[in-house]
Protein backbone atom coordinates (compact mmCIF):
# COMPACT_ATOMS: atom_id res chain seq x y z
CA UNK A 1 100.37 117.60 70.45
CA UNK A 2 101.68 115.85 73.50
CA UNK A 3 105.28 116.89 73.96
CA UNK A 4 107.76 114.89 75.99
CA UNK A 5 110.98 116.82 76.52
CA UNK A 6 114.18 115.58 78.20
CA UNK A 7 112.56 112.58 79.88
CA UNK A 8 114.85 110.62 82.18
CA UNK A 9 113.70 107.62 84.21
CA UNK A 10 115.92 105.36 86.30
CA UNK A 11 115.20 102.26 88.35
CA UNK A 12 118.19 101.97 90.65
CA UNK A 13 121.21 101.84 88.37
CA UNK A 14 119.16 100.97 85.26
CA UNK A 15 118.38 104.01 83.16
CA UNK A 16 115.34 103.34 80.98
CA UNK A 17 115.17 106.83 79.46
CA UNK A 18 117.92 109.42 79.23
CA UNK A 19 117.00 112.86 77.88
CA UNK A 20 114.28 111.34 75.66
CA UNK A 21 112.07 113.68 73.65
CA UNK A 22 109.18 112.91 71.34
CA UNK A 23 106.02 114.53 69.99
CA UNK A 24 102.84 112.47 70.06
CA UNK A 25 99.81 113.54 68.02
CA UNK A 26 96.81 114.39 70.16
CA UNK A 27 94.46 112.25 68.07
CA UNK A 28 94.44 108.92 66.28
CA UNK A 29 96.01 105.56 66.98
CA UNK A 30 99.70 105.66 67.84
CA UNK A 31 101.66 102.43 68.03
CA UNK A 32 104.57 102.34 70.49
CA UNK A 33 107.09 99.74 69.46
CA UNK A 34 110.56 98.60 70.38
CA UNK A 35 112.50 95.74 71.90
CA UNK A 36 111.46 94.12 75.15
CA UNK A 37 112.65 96.13 78.13
CA UNK A 38 113.18 99.33 76.11
CA UNK A 39 110.65 101.33 78.16
CA UNK A 40 107.28 101.15 76.41
CA UNK A 41 105.36 100.26 79.57
CA UNK A 42 107.39 102.78 81.56
CA UNK A 43 106.43 105.50 79.08
CA UNK A 44 102.74 104.64 79.50
CA UNK A 45 103.15 104.71 83.30
CA UNK A 46 104.77 108.16 83.07
CA UNK A 47 102.01 109.47 80.81
CA UNK A 48 99.24 108.36 83.17
CA UNK A 49 101.05 109.60 86.27
CA UNK A 50 101.88 106.25 87.86
CA UNK A 51 105.64 106.73 87.37
CA UNK A 52 107.34 109.98 88.27
CA UNK A 53 110.19 110.82 85.89
CA UNK A 54 113.57 111.76 87.32
CA UNK A 55 113.73 114.65 84.85
CA UNK A 56 111.78 116.05 81.95
CA UNK A 57 108.46 117.62 81.11
CA UNK A 58 105.25 116.44 79.52
CA UNK A 59 102.81 118.93 78.05
CA UNK A 60 99.54 118.50 76.19
CA UNK A 61 97.72 116.29 78.68
CA UNK A 62 96.28 118.99 80.93
CA UNK A 63 92.51 118.66 81.13
CA UNK A 64 92.49 115.32 79.33
CA UNK A 65 91.01 112.25 80.95
CA UNK A 66 93.33 109.23 80.70
CA UNK A 67 92.31 105.58 80.93
CA UNK A 68 94.59 102.56 80.92
CA UNK A 69 94.52 98.89 79.96
CA UNK A 70 97.42 97.30 81.82
CA UNK A 71 99.35 94.17 80.80
CA UNK A 72 98.35 92.42 84.00
CA UNK A 73 94.76 91.93 85.00
CA UNK A 74 93.48 94.54 87.43
CA UNK A 75 89.90 93.41 87.81
CA UNK A 76 88.06 92.89 91.07
CA UNK A 77 87.52 89.11 91.02
CA UNK A 78 84.57 89.21 93.44
CA UNK A 79 82.61 91.56 91.16
CA UNK A 80 80.81 90.61 87.96
CA UNK A 81 82.12 91.63 84.56
CA UNK A 82 79.37 94.26 84.41
CA UNK A 83 80.16 95.60 87.88
CA UNK A 84 83.88 95.83 87.04
CA UNK A 85 83.07 98.14 84.16
CA UNK A 86 80.19 100.01 85.83
CA UNK A 87 82.46 100.93 88.74
CA UNK A 88 83.87 103.74 86.55
CA UNK A 89 80.68 104.61 84.65
CA UNK A 90 76.99 103.86 84.53
CA UNK A 91 75.55 100.37 84.02
CA UNK A 92 73.99 101.12 80.63
CA UNK A 93 77.26 102.31 79.15
CA UNK A 94 79.10 99.41 80.78
CA UNK A 95 76.67 96.86 79.36
CA UNK A 96 76.83 98.38 75.87
CA UNK A 97 80.63 98.29 75.85
CA UNK A 98 80.75 94.69 77.05
CA UNK A 99 78.23 93.68 74.38
CA UNK A 100 80.39 95.37 71.73
CA UNK A 101 83.21 93.11 72.90
CA UNK A 102 81.10 89.92 72.67
CA UNK A 103 80.65 89.59 76.43
CA UNK A 104 76.84 89.61 76.68
CA UNK A 105 76.64 86.07 78.08
CA UNK A 106 79.25 86.85 80.78
CA UNK A 107 77.76 90.11 82.12
CA UNK A 108 76.81 88.50 85.44
CA UNK A 109 79.85 86.22 85.71
CA UNK A 110 82.31 86.97 88.50
CA UNK A 111 85.58 88.26 87.06
CA UNK A 112 87.50 85.55 88.92
CA UNK A 113 85.72 82.88 86.84
CA UNK A 114 86.48 84.43 83.44
CA UNK A 115 89.15 83.23 81.02
CA UNK A 116 92.19 85.41 80.33
CA UNK A 117 90.74 86.69 77.06
CA UNK A 118 87.41 87.49 78.68
CA UNK A 119 89.17 89.39 81.47
CA UNK A 120 91.10 91.32 78.84
CA UNK A 121 87.87 92.37 77.13
CA UNK A 122 86.42 93.50 80.46
CA UNK A 123 89.59 95.55 81.04
CA UNK A 124 89.23 97.19 77.63
CA UNK A 125 85.54 97.91 78.23
CA UNK A 126 86.34 99.45 81.62
CA UNK A 127 89.00 101.73 80.12
CA UNK A 128 86.54 103.00 77.51
CA UNK A 129 83.76 103.35 80.09
CA UNK A 130 86.04 105.67 82.04
CA UNK A 131 87.29 107.73 79.10
CA UNK A 132 87.89 107.58 75.37
CA UNK A 133 89.86 110.84 75.40
CA UNK A 134 93.34 109.35 75.92
CA UNK A 135 93.49 105.56 76.18
CA UNK A 136 96.79 103.87 76.99
CA UNK A 137 96.78 100.18 76.06
CA UNK A 138 99.61 97.82 77.01
CA UNK A 139 99.32 94.59 75.01
CA UNK A 140 95.52 94.89 74.61
CA UNK A 141 95.12 91.78 72.43
CA UNK A 142 96.65 89.32 74.89
CA UNK A 143 94.48 86.20 75.08
CA UNK A 144 92.11 87.26 72.29
CA UNK A 145 91.30 85.25 69.18
CA UNK A 146 91.19 87.03 65.81
CA UNK A 147 87.44 87.69 65.96
CA UNK A 148 87.72 89.34 69.37
CA UNK A 149 90.86 91.22 68.33
CA UNK A 150 88.79 92.73 65.51
CA UNK A 151 86.02 93.73 67.92
CA UNK A 152 88.54 95.24 70.34
CA UNK A 153 90.31 97.08 67.51
CA UNK A 154 86.99 98.57 66.36
CA UNK A 155 86.45 99.95 69.84
CA UNK A 156 90.05 101.17 70.12
CA UNK A 157 89.61 103.10 66.86
CA UNK A 158 86.83 105.14 68.53
CA UNK A 159 89.28 106.72 71.01
CA UNK A 160 90.27 110.32 70.43
CA UNK A 161 93.85 109.19 71.11
CA UNK A 162 94.96 105.59 71.67
CA UNK A 163 98.58 104.82 72.52
CA UNK A 164 99.03 101.10 71.95
CA UNK A 165 101.95 98.88 72.93
CA UNK A 166 102.12 95.51 71.24
CA UNK A 167 104.97 93.06 70.69
CA UNK A 168 103.03 91.05 68.12
CA UNK A 169 103.51 92.43 64.62
CA UNK A 170 100.41 90.53 63.46
CA UNK A 171 98.28 92.48 65.94
CA UNK A 172 99.05 95.73 64.14
CA UNK A 173 96.95 94.54 61.20
CA UNK A 174 93.86 94.92 63.38
CA UNK A 175 94.71 98.45 64.49
CA UNK A 176 95.30 100.41 61.29
CA UNK A 177 97.47 102.83 63.29
CA UNK A 178 98.03 106.43 62.23
CA UNK A 179 101.57 106.76 63.53
CA UNK A 180 104.31 104.51 64.85
CA UNK A 181 106.84 105.62 67.45
CA UNK A 182 109.83 103.36 67.93
CA UNK A 183 111.60 103.65 71.25
């Protein structure tokens, strides 16, 4: 289990979390839900170490490799789709992941020329090329049609633990999540 105990996070005067505690299973697909601005993205940032909490402890992540799919695109536009994924892994694994996500014809396309949905699939492939141990996904289906949502969901289901934030209730039908945590 991943245990979050007494988490407090503030941004200036705005307190996003105050003494928040929750247990997260260490396997399966866990959906993080809640209103906009409630702290879902902040929680993912805390879990991957990008946001330092003001107070609280997190246990259960020691020795686990964490990968992230962010809401905003974080690709290197001057590199190809394949190179963006291979930068964290080997080219064979990168190519296989991109093909699983229906990106075989864009392998050599520069990331800056890809559509939003194509960039999202490259981001998902890169996260899984880095690690499938703990995968944090913030709105992973943005820009994807239903067919590509299904392909992405199939890959997401291969993670040992996937923590998924989505605002779209329809997107949950693709995930078949094991647990839902409402913030």
